[in-house]
Amino acid sequence: MNPVKRTSAPGAAYQAKLPTPFALLGIRTEGGVLAEITFLPESAGALSPRDRLAARACAQIDRYLEDSEFRFDLPIAFQGTAFQRRVWKRISAIDAGLTRSYGEIARELGSSPRAVGQACGANPVPLVVPCHRVLAAGGLGGFAHHERGFHLAVKRWLLAHEGSAGRQQ
């Protein structure tokens, strides 16, 4: 499987590229905060952390891979709309092994499932803000603005890693 880059600014410089069982992760830090985690093609190759925060992010991702209930503690640059930030806050409250639906979150926020799905897809730091724990009412839903292929395989891997069988929170 050869993943396609999720989203990133053209020419984005990564402070680390971390191989994981499900993808190569590009980690970008900016001004002392985690700015982005992207899915990169394997051909991009690993890159040892170039700063302290990237090293901390890599270490925490490794901890998550060892223990799916590990809780990330990283400073994040949430650069999104007020609505996106509200969605990301709700997603961050979903415990490992549990899931929520786009519709449930939408009802809580007085919005639509589609708007919640768009905010999930715009999440700049997947894993840390666990948007993979948000599902469609009738199934898996999308992941990182993709509805099939590599990205859904990543979502399935993460849910299986957490032991989630679609258990609702």
Protein backbone atom coordinates (compact mmCIF):
# COMPACT_ATOMS: atom_id res chain seq x y z
CA MET A 1 0.00 0.00 0.00
CA ASN A 2 1.49 3.33 -0.98
CA PRO A 3 -0.19 6.14 0.96
CA VAL A 4 -0.87 9.55 -0.44
CA LYS A 5 0.14 12.60 1.53
CA ARG A 6 -2.82 13.74 3.66
CA THR A 7 -2.57 17.51 3.44
CA SER A 8 0.28 19.88 3.98
CA ALA A 9 1.51 23.25 2.93
CA PRO A 10 3.60 23.10 -0.25
CA GLY A 11 7.24 22.52 0.67
CA ALA A 12 6.41 21.88 4.33
CA ALA A 13 9.50 21.04 6.32
CA TYR A 14 9.10 18.15 8.72
CA GLN A 15 10.95 18.01 11.98
CA ALA A 16 10.55 14.21 12.01
CA LYS A 17 9.30 11.37 9.83
CA LEU A 18 8.27 8.42 11.96
CA PRO A 19 7.66 4.94 10.53
CA THR A 20 4.69 3.21 12.18
CA PRO A 21 2.95 -0.08 11.42
CA PHE A 22 0.19 1.78 9.55
CA ALA A 23 2.00 4.69 7.80
CA LEU A 24 5.02 6.97 7.69
CA LEU A 25 4.07 10.03 9.73
CA GLY A 26 5.39 13.47 8.89
CA ILE A 27 5.60 15.58 12.06
CA ARG A 28 5.80 19.32 11.72
CA THR A 29 6.38 21.68 14.63
CA GLU A 30 6.19 25.44 14.53
CA GLY A 31 7.02 27.94 17.26
CA GLY A 32 7.07 25.38 20.07
CA VAL A 33 3.76 23.69 19.16
CA LEU A 34 2.79 20.65 17.13
CA ALA A 35 1.44 22.05 13.86
CA GLU A 36 0.72 18.96 11.79
CA ILE A 37 0.89 15.20 11.46
CA THR A 38 0.55 13.93 7.91
CA PHE A 39 0.57 10.54 6.22
CA LEU A 40 3.51 10.32 3.83
CA PRO A 41 4.51 7.83 1.14
CA GLU A 42 6.98 5.24 2.41
CA SER A 43 9.43 6.54 -0.19
CA ALA A 44 9.72 9.77 1.84
CA GLY A 45 11.95 7.87 4.28
CA ALA A 46 12.36 8.23 8.02
CA LEU A 47 13.84 11.36 9.56
CA SER A 48 15.14 11.52 13.13
CA PRO A 49 13.58 14.30 15.21
CA ARG A 50 15.19 17.67 14.57
CA ASP A 51 13.87 19.45 17.65
CA ARG A 52 12.81 18.67 21.18
CA LEU A 53 9.07 18.81 20.49
CA ALA A 54 9.34 16.50 17.47
CA ALA A 55 11.27 14.04 19.66
CA ARG A 56 8.57 14.30 22.31
CA ALA A 57 5.84 13.73 19.70
CA CYS A 58 7.64 10.67 18.32
CA ALA A 59 8.12 9.26 21.82
CA GLN A 60 4.43 9.76 22.61
CA ILE A 61 3.34 8.13 19.34
CA ASP A 62 5.59 5.17 20.21
CA ARG A 63 3.94 5.02 23.65
CA TYR A 64 0.51 5.02 21.98
CA LEU A 65 1.63 2.14 19.76
CA GLU A 66 2.64 0.20 22.88
CA ASP A 67 -0.48 1.15 24.86
CA SER A 68 -3.57 2.28 22.95
CA GLU A 69 -4.92 3.96 26.10
CA PHE A 70 -1.94 6.30 26.32
CA ARG A 71 -3.08 9.94 26.40
CA PHE A 72 -1.10 12.46 24.38
CA ASP A 73 0.18 15.56 26.12
CA LEU A 74 1.55 17.86 23.45
CA PRO A 75 1.10 21.59 22.80
CA ILE A 76 -0.95 21.89 19.61
CA ALA A 77 -1.40 24.79 17.20
CA PHE A 78 -5.14 24.66 16.59
CA GLN A 79 -5.47 26.87 13.56
CA GLY A 80 -9.01 26.33 12.42
CA THR A 81 -12.40 27.93 12.60
CA ALA A 82 -14.20 28.25 15.92
CA PHE A 83 -16.51 25.42 14.85
CA GLN A 84 -13.59 23.14 13.90
CA ARG A 85 -11.95 23.78 17.27
CA ARG A 86 -15.21 22.87 19.05
CA VAL A 87 -15.41 19.62 17.09
CA TRP A 88 -11.74 18.81 17.81
CA LYS A 89 -12.35 19.42 21.51
CA ARG A 90 -15.26 16.92 21.46
CA ILE A 91 -13.19 14.38 19.57
CA SER A 92 -10.34 14.73 22.08
CA ALA A 93 -12.72 13.63 24.84
CA ILE A 94 -13.44 10.25 23.21
CA ASP A 95 -11.59 7.54 25.12
CA ALA A 96 -9.55 4.85 23.35
CA GLY A 97 -11.64 1.84 22.42
CA LEU A 98 -14.80 3.90 22.14
CA THR A 99 -16.38 5.69 19.22
CA ARG A 100 -18.93 8.42 18.57
CA SER A 101 -20.90 9.15 15.43
CA TYR A 102 -20.76 12.29 13.34
CA GLY A 103 -24.48 12.69 14.08
CA GLU A 104 -24.07 12.49 17.86
CA ILE A 105 -21.41 15.16 17.85
CA ALA A 106 -23.47 17.28 15.45
CA ARG A 107 -26.52 17.13 17.75
CA GLU A 108 -24.40 18.20 20.73
CA LEU A 109 -23.03 21.17 18.75
CA GLY A 110 -26.29 22.09 17.01
CA SER A 111 -24.81 21.33 13.62
CA SER A 112 -24.97 18.75 10.84
CA PRO A 113 -23.11 15.43 10.55
CA ARG A 114 -21.56 16.63 7.27
CA ALA A 115 -20.12 19.73 8.96
CA VAL A 116 -18.68 17.55 11.74
CA GLY A 117 -17.19 15.23 9.11
CA GLN A 118 -15.57 18.17 7.35
CA ALA A 119 -14.08 19.38 10.64
CA CYS A 120 -12.78 15.87 11.34
CA GLY A 121 -11.16 15.77 7.91
CA ALA A 122 -9.50 19.13 8.56
CA ASN A 123 -7.94 17.91 11.82
CA PRO A 124 -4.24 18.80 11.50
CA VAL A 125 -3.02 16.32 14.13
CA PRO A 126 -4.67 12.90 13.71
CA LEU A 127 -3.85 10.44 16.49
CA VAL A 128 -3.32 13.27 18.97
CA VAL A 129 -6.87 14.45 18.25
CA PRO A 130 -8.35 11.01 17.55
CA CYS A 131 -10.71 11.70 14.64
CA HIS A 132 -10.47 7.99 13.74
CA ARG A 133 -12.86 7.40 16.67
CA VAL A 134 -15.69 9.20 14.86
CA LEU A 135 -17.84 6.95 12.66
CA ALA A 136 -20.76 7.32 10.29
CA ALA A 137 -24.16 6.17 11.53
CA GLY A 138 -24.07 3.21 9.15
CA GLY A 139 -20.41 2.26 9.19
CA LEU A 140 -16.84 3.44 9.18
CA GLY A 141 -17.26 6.82 7.49
CA GLY A 142 -14.29 8.66 6.02
CA PHE A 143 -10.88 9.61 7.29
CA ALA A 144 -8.71 12.63 6.45
CA HIS A 145 -11.12 13.69 3.66
CA HIS A 146 -10.94 10.21 2.05
CA GLU A 147 -13.76 7.71 1.78
CA ARG A 148 -11.77 4.67 0.63
CA GLY A 149 -8.30 3.29 0.10
CA PHE A 150 -5.22 3.81 2.23
CA HIS A 151 -6.73 6.31 4.66
CA LEU A 152 -9.61 4.01 5.59
CA ALA A 153 -7.11 1.19 6.07
CA VAL A 154 -5.31 3.46 8.56
CA LYS A 155 -8.59 4.18 10.36
CA ARG A 156 -9.37 0.44 10.56
CA TRP A 157 -5.86 -0.27 11.89
CA LEU A 158 -6.15 2.41 14.58
CA LEU A 159 -9.60 1.22 15.70
CA ALA A 160 -8.40 -2.40 15.81
CA HIS A 161 -5.29 -1.32 17.76
CA GLU A 162 -7.59 0.30 20.33
CA GLY A 163 -9.83 -2.75 20.48
CA SER A 164 -12.79 -0.77 19.21
CA ALA A 165 -15.59 -2.77 17.73
CA GLY A 166 -17.66 0.35 17.25
CA ARG A 167 -18.54 0.61 20.95
CA GLN A 168 -20.26 3.92 21.46
CA GLN A 169 -19.21 6.22 24.29
